[in-house]
Protein backbone atom coordinates (compact mmCIF):
# COMPACT_ATOMS: atom_id res chain seq x y z
CA MET A 1 0.00 0.00 0.00
CA GLU A 2 1.37 3.39 -1.04
CA ARG A 3 2.36 5.60 1.88
CA LYS A 4 1.13 9.16 1.99
CA MET A 5 2.47 12.26 3.68
CA LYS A 6 0.96 15.61 4.53
CA ALA A 7 2.64 18.44 2.67
CA ALA A 8 2.36 22.00 1.44
CA TYR A 9 2.62 22.01 -2.35
CA TYR A 10 1.75 23.86 -5.55
CA GLU A 11 0.89 22.59 -9.02
CA ALA A 12 1.73 25.76 -10.97
CA PHE A 13 3.95 28.78 -10.42
CA GLY A 14 2.32 31.79 -8.82
CA GLU A 15 1.81 33.83 -5.69
CA ILE A 16 1.02 32.58 -2.20
CA GLU A 17 -2.54 31.68 -3.21
CA VAL A 18 -1.35 28.70 -5.33
CA LEU A 19 -0.07 26.89 -2.23
CA LYS A 20 -2.18 23.92 -1.10
CA ILE A 21 -2.12 21.66 1.95
CA GLY A 22 -2.90 18.00 1.41
CA GLU A 23 -1.58 14.47 1.01
CA LEU A 24 1.05 13.42 -1.52
CA PRO A 25 2.64 10.02 -2.17
CA LEU A 26 5.78 9.42 -0.16
CA PRO A 27 8.69 9.14 -2.64
CA ALA A 28 10.49 5.80 -2.82
CA VAL A 29 13.83 5.57 -1.01
CA LYS A 30 16.42 4.78 -3.70
CA GLU A 31 20.06 3.76 -3.58
CA GLY A 32 22.15 6.15 -1.49
CA GLU A 33 19.07 7.93 -0.13
CA VAL A 34 17.46 8.18 3.28
CA LEU A 35 13.96 8.91 4.50
CA VAL A 36 13.89 11.77 7.00
CA LYS A 37 10.96 12.40 9.33
CA ILE A 38 10.88 16.18 9.39
CA LYS A 39 10.80 17.90 12.77
CA ALA A 40 11.23 21.48 11.52
CA ALA A 41 11.78 23.35 8.27
CA ALA A 42 12.94 26.95 7.99
CA VAL A 43 11.45 29.44 5.54
CA ASN A 44 13.64 31.66 3.36
CA PRO A 45 12.93 34.49 0.89
CA VAL A 46 14.15 32.26 -1.94
CA ASP A 47 11.16 29.96 -1.34
CA MET A 48 8.85 32.63 -2.76
CA ALA A 49 11.21 33.28 -5.68
CA VAL A 50 11.10 29.58 -6.54
CA GLN A 51 7.29 29.49 -6.23
CA ARG A 52 7.00 32.44 -8.62
CA GLY A 53 9.10 30.57 -11.21
CA MET A 54 12.00 33.02 -11.00
CA LEU A 55 14.65 30.27 -10.72
CA ASN A 56 13.12 27.82 -13.18
CA SER A 57 15.67 28.53 -15.91
CA PHE A 58 18.46 26.85 -13.94
CA LEU A 59 16.51 24.90 -11.29
CA PRO A 60 13.74 23.27 -13.34
CA ALA A 61 10.59 22.23 -11.52
CA THR A 62 8.47 19.10 -11.73
CA PHE A 63 4.95 19.56 -10.34
CA PRO A 64 3.62 19.12 -7.76
CA VAL A 65 6.36 21.04 -5.95
CA VAL A 66 6.85 20.90 -2.18
CA PRO A 67 8.71 24.10 -1.21
CA GLY A 68 11.51 24.47 1.30
CA TRP A 69 15.26 23.81 1.39
CA ASP A 70 16.10 23.85 5.13
CA VAL A 71 15.39 20.76 7.20
CA ALA A 72 16.02 19.16 10.59
CA GLY A 73 14.74 15.68 11.33
CA ILE A 74 15.29 12.03 12.15
CA VAL A 75 16.53 9.29 9.82
CA GLU A 76 13.68 6.78 9.55
CA ASP A 77 14.75 4.54 6.67
CA ARG A 78 17.78 3.94 4.45
CA GLY A 79 18.17 2.84 0.87
CA TYR A 80 20.78 0.41 -0.43
CA ALA A 81 24.38 1.55 0.28
CA ALA A 82 23.20 4.44 2.47
CA ARG A 83 25.18 3.71 5.62
CA ARG A 84 26.62 7.03 6.79
CA PHE A 85 23.76 7.40 9.26
CA ASN A 86 21.82 5.01 11.43
CA ILE A 87 18.07 4.88 11.75
CA GLY A 88 17.20 7.24 14.58
CA ASP A 89 20.07 9.66 13.93
CA GLU A 90 19.16 13.33 14.26
CA VAL A 91 20.30 15.24 11.19
CA TYR A 92 19.98 18.51 9.31
CA ALA A 93 20.57 19.63 5.73
CA TYR A 94 20.42 22.28 3.07
CA ALA A 95 18.25 20.21 0.77
CA ARG A 96 18.44 22.09 -2.54
CA ARG A 97 18.68 19.64 -5.42
CA PRO A 98 19.56 20.34 -9.09
CA PHE A 99 15.78 20.27 -9.69
CA VAL A 100 12.77 21.48 -7.72
CA GLN A 101 10.14 19.00 -6.54
CA TRP A 102 10.46 17.41 -3.10
CA GLY A 103 11.12 20.09 -0.49
CA THR A 104 10.93 20.36 3.27
CA PHE A 105 7.42 21.72 3.96
CA ALA A 106 6.12 18.23 4.62
CA GLU A 107 6.05 15.40 7.16
CA TYR A 108 8.82 13.51 5.34
CA MET A 109 11.43 13.89 2.66
CA VAL A 110 13.72 11.54 0.77
CA ILE A 111 17.21 12.94 0.23
CA PRO A 112 20.67 11.65 -0.75
CA GLU A 113 22.55 10.92 2.47
CA SER A 114 25.46 12.97 1.14
CA TYR A 115 23.47 16.14 1.88
CA LEU A 116 23.06 15.35 5.57
CA ALA A 117 25.07 16.09 8.69
CA LEU A 118 24.42 15.29 12.33
CA ARG A 119 22.58 18.19 13.89
CA PRO A 120 23.77 20.43 16.75
CA LYS A 121 22.70 18.89 20.04
CA THR A 122 22.59 22.18 21.95
CA LEU A 123 19.91 23.73 19.72
CA SER A 124 16.19 23.03 19.43
CA TRP A 125 14.77 21.44 16.29
CA GLU A 126 13.50 24.85 15.19
CA GLU A 127 16.88 26.52 15.74
CA THR A 128 18.65 23.68 13.96
CA ALA A 129 16.41 24.04 10.90
CA GLY A 130 17.26 27.74 10.82
CA ILE A 131 20.95 27.16 10.15
CA PRO A 132 21.59 25.37 6.83
CA LEU A 133 20.85 27.89 4.06
CA VAL A 134 21.89 31.03 5.91
CA GLY A 135 24.75 29.31 7.72
CA LEU A 136 26.23 27.80 4.56
CA THR A 137 25.74 31.07 2.69
CA ALA A 138 27.65 33.02 5.33
CA TYR A 139 30.28 30.29 5.65
CA GLN A 140 30.93 30.08 1.91
CA SER A 141 30.92 33.88 1.59
CA LEU A 142 33.17 34.78 4.53
CA TYR A 143 35.40 31.74 5.00
CA VAL A 144 35.72 30.46 1.43
CA ALA A 145 35.21 33.31 -1.07
CA GLY A 146 36.26 36.02 1.39
CA ASN A 147 39.10 34.06 3.03
CA LEU A 148 38.44 35.97 6.25
CA GLN A 149 41.37 35.89 8.69
CA PRO A 150 41.69 36.62 12.42
CA GLY A 151 42.23 40.31 13.12
CA GLN A 152 40.66 41.50 9.88
CA THR A 153 37.71 43.90 9.66
CA VAL A 154 34.52 43.02 7.78
CA LEU A 155 31.64 45.29 6.74
CA ILE A 156 28.29 43.45 6.45
CA LEU A 157 25.31 44.90 4.59
CA GLY A 158 21.94 43.49 5.63
CA ALA A 159 23.49 42.43 8.91
CA SER A 160 20.19 41.98 10.78
CA GLY A 161 18.70 39.51 8.28
CA GLY A 162 19.03 35.75 8.45
CA ILE A 163 22.28 35.60 6.47
CA GLY A 164 23.67 38.70 8.16
CA THR A 165 22.89 37.27 11.60
CA LEU A 166 25.00 34.20 10.85
CA GLY A 167 27.57 36.37 9.09
CA ILE A 168 28.19 38.43 12.21
CA GLN A 169 28.59 35.33 14.35
CA LEU A 170 30.88 33.48 11.93
CA ALA A 171 33.06 36.57 11.52
CA LYS A 172 33.38 36.90 15.30
CA ALA A 173 34.13 33.17 15.62
CA LYS A 174 37.02 33.75 13.20
CA GLY A 175 38.34 36.61 15.36
CA ALA A 176 37.37 39.48 13.04
CA THR A 177 36.05 42.96 13.84
CA VAL A 178 32.49 43.36 12.52
CA ILE A 179 30.75 46.51 11.30
CA GLY A 180 27.05 45.77 10.74
CA VAL A 181 24.72 47.83 8.56
CA ALA A 182 20.95 47.85 9.13
CA SER A 183 18.22 50.23 10.26
CA ALA A 184 18.63 51.85 13.68
CA LYS A 185 15.90 49.69 15.23
CA ASN A 186 18.10 46.63 14.64
CA HIS A 187 21.34 47.99 16.11
CA ALA A 188 20.85 46.46 19.55
CA TYR A 189 20.08 43.14 17.88
CA MET A 190 23.27 43.27 15.80
CA LYS A 191 25.26 44.07 18.94
CA GLU A 192 23.64 41.09 20.67
CA MET A 193 24.78 38.90 17.78
CA GLY A 194 28.33 40.19 18.25
CA ALA A 195 28.75 43.22 15.99
CA ASP A 196 31.47 45.59 17.22
CA HIS A 197 30.08 48.64 15.40
CA THR A 198 26.74 49.46 13.76
CA ILE A 199 25.70 51.84 10.97
CA ASP A 200 22.20 53.01 10.04
CA TYR A 201 21.79 53.01 6.26
CA HIS A 202 19.05 55.65 6.45
CA ASN A 203 20.37 59.13 5.56
CA THR A 204 23.94 57.86 5.94
CA HIS A 205 26.69 57.32 3.39
CA ILE A 206 27.86 53.81 4.21
CA GLY A 207 31.38 54.27 2.92
CA GLU A 208 32.01 57.52 4.77
CA ALA A 209 30.53 56.17 8.01
CA THR A 210 32.68 53.05 7.76
CA ARG A 211 35.83 55.08 7.19
CA GLN A 212 35.08 57.01 10.39
CA ILE A 213 35.11 53.69 12.25
CA ALA A 214 37.91 51.94 10.36
CA GLY A 215 40.15 54.67 9.03
CA GLN A 216 42.28 52.32 6.96
CA GLY A 217 39.23 50.64 5.49
CA VAL A 218 37.87 47.10 5.68
CA ASP A 219 39.51 43.88 4.52
CA LEU A 220 36.22 42.27 3.49
CA PHE A 221 32.96 43.86 2.36
CA TYR A 222 30.08 41.36 2.53
CA ASP A 223 26.95 42.39 0.66
CA ALA A 224 23.70 40.71 1.72
CA ALA A 225 21.49 43.68 0.76
CA SER A 226 22.90 45.28 -2.43
CA GLY A 227 21.45 48.41 -4.06
CA GLU A 228 22.88 51.87 -3.49
CA THR A 229 24.45 50.86 -0.17
CA LEU A 230 26.71 48.42 -2.06
CA GLN A 231 28.04 51.22 -4.25
CA GLN A 232 28.51 53.48 -1.23
CA GLY A 233 30.38 50.83 0.71
CA LEU A 234 33.00 50.24 -1.97
CA MET A 235 34.91 53.34 -0.87
CA ALA A 236 35.45 51.69 2.53
CA LEU A 237 37.41 48.80 1.01
CA LYS A 238 41.13 48.60 1.67
CA GLU A 239 43.41 48.38 -1.32
CA GLY A 240 43.60 44.69 -2.10
CA GLY A 241 40.46 44.01 -0.09
CA THR A 242 37.68 41.64 -1.14
CA VAL A 243 34.00 42.16 -1.97
CA VAL A 244 31.59 39.23 -1.71
CA SER A 245 27.93 39.53 -2.74
CA ILE A 246 25.01 37.12 -2.71
CA LEU A 247 22.86 39.43 -4.83
CA ASN A 248 25.11 41.28 -7.28
CA ARG A 249 26.89 39.18 -9.91
CA GLY A 250 29.48 41.89 -10.57
CA GLU A 251 27.30 44.45 -12.32
CA ASN A 252 28.74 47.96 -11.98
CA ILE A 253 31.70 46.67 -9.95
CA ASP A 254 35.13 47.93 -11.03
CA LYS A 255 36.99 45.02 -12.63
CA SER A 256 40.10 45.85 -10.60
CA ILE A 257 38.28 44.90 -7.38
CA ASN A 258 38.66 41.37 -6.02
CA PHE A 259 34.96 40.49 -6.32
CA HIS A 260 33.10 37.21 -5.75
CA TYR A 261 29.44 36.29 -6.26
CA VAL A 262 28.20 33.42 -4.07
CA PHE A 263 25.19 31.20 -4.73
CA VAL A 264 25.11 28.80 -1.82
CA GLU A 265 25.79 25.11 -2.46
CA PRO A 266 24.91 22.12 -0.27
CA HIS A 267 27.97 21.03 1.73
CA ALA A 268 27.72 18.42 4.49
CA ALA A 269 31.29 18.93 5.76
CA GLN A 270 30.62 22.64 6.27
CA LEU A 271 27.42 21.73 8.13
CA ASP A 272 29.65 19.64 10.40
CA ASP A 273 31.75 22.77 11.05
CA LEU A 274 28.62 24.79 11.78
CA ARG A 275 27.44 22.10 14.20
CA THR A 276 30.76 22.32 16.05
CA LEU A 277 30.45 26.11 16.27
CA ALA A 278 26.84 25.87 17.48
CA ASP A 279 27.62 23.25 20.10
CA GLY A 280 30.55 25.42 21.19
CA GLY A 281 28.22 28.34 21.87
CA LYS A 282 29.41 30.36 18.86
CA ILE A 283 26.10 30.35 16.97
CA LYS A 284 22.66 31.46 18.13
CA VAL A 285 19.60 31.18 15.92
CA PRO A 286 16.88 33.67 16.93
CA ILE A 287 13.41 32.39 15.98
CA SER A 288 10.87 35.08 15.14
CA GLU A 289 7.83 32.84 14.60
CA ILE A 290 6.85 29.16 14.35
CA PHE A 291 3.98 28.08 12.07
CA PRO A 292 2.24 24.70 11.83
CA LEU A 293 2.34 23.08 8.40
CA ASP A 294 -1.32 24.00 7.85
CA LYS A 295 -0.27 27.67 8.03
CA ALA A 296 2.61 27.42 5.55
CA ALA A 297 1.01 30.12 3.39
CA ASP A 298 1.10 32.52 6.34
CA ALA A 299 4.80 31.73 6.84
CA LEU A 300 5.52 32.53 3.19
CA ARG A 301 3.42 35.68 3.43
CA GLN A 302 5.56 36.83 6.35
CA ILE A 303 8.89 36.05 4.68
CA ALA A 304 7.72 37.89 1.54
CA THR A 305 7.65 41.17 3.51
CA HIS A 306 11.50 41.06 3.67
CA HIS A 307 11.22 42.58 7.15
CA THR A 308 11.80 39.50 9.27
CA ARG A 309 14.41 39.49 12.01
CA GLY A 310 15.50 36.00 12.91
CA LYS A 311 14.12 32.82 11.36
CA ILE A 312 10.59 31.74 10.47
CA VAL A 313 10.07 28.00 10.93
CA ILE A 314 7.39 25.50 9.93
CA VAL A 315 6.74 22.35 11.99
CA PRO A 316 4.70 19.42 10.60
């Protein structure tokens, strides 16, 4: 008898109204795959971009689509040759595949075991689910593309958002000085996350304000907001410094600047590093709101405002 699972899903691209809640067949567990019973799934702005069809040119979709790329859960079954984890192991993952179909807004998901890592034990299920996409994005931006070193100074745009929140903490874990940029109402929050200095982007020239703090400029400029503030911040970069963006692919960036665009990739070994940092008290994951699966549309509606501080999480 075919097993079913409760899921949020859509059968055509569109706005929040196309999302449905119902039962779908549970995918078969194939070679090298595991079945994960989902305990929590985080919501990200990219989930709405995918639902609107904005990424379909390079991440093709097969309907029905279950949204969601962040997951924390328990291994319930294993396919042939999937032996990295035992049944009952608590795991987490950034579950983006080369195609879009089976996501994390559901009771279960089937995923290659290579995507998974053991989850942090010191965090709740909801906090754990809030790490993968934003944590890997910040990790790959700061540690890999940015090659951040102890004692360096980093300027972070969008520092109060999900990626910025992890960016501040990873930069501090590396021993860097952090200058966070966000609206004034989020300055105390950025300080709580570990920022050494804060700048309000309203009625402020980001580059000039940064130079007042770091007279010699910054070693790394991390852009998680883009727009005019990105252009302003370039004047704060030290000669030979690095710019990393998750939004700008290099448009209007002087070719002499050491620039990197990052589109986050799944990486289980880096999730292991993030687990170690979390269990060592170096990573906190503020949760702004938790929604039941039945209210997945409300969770997407909230994330679509782009004014969320901390993570929004769905629990089956």
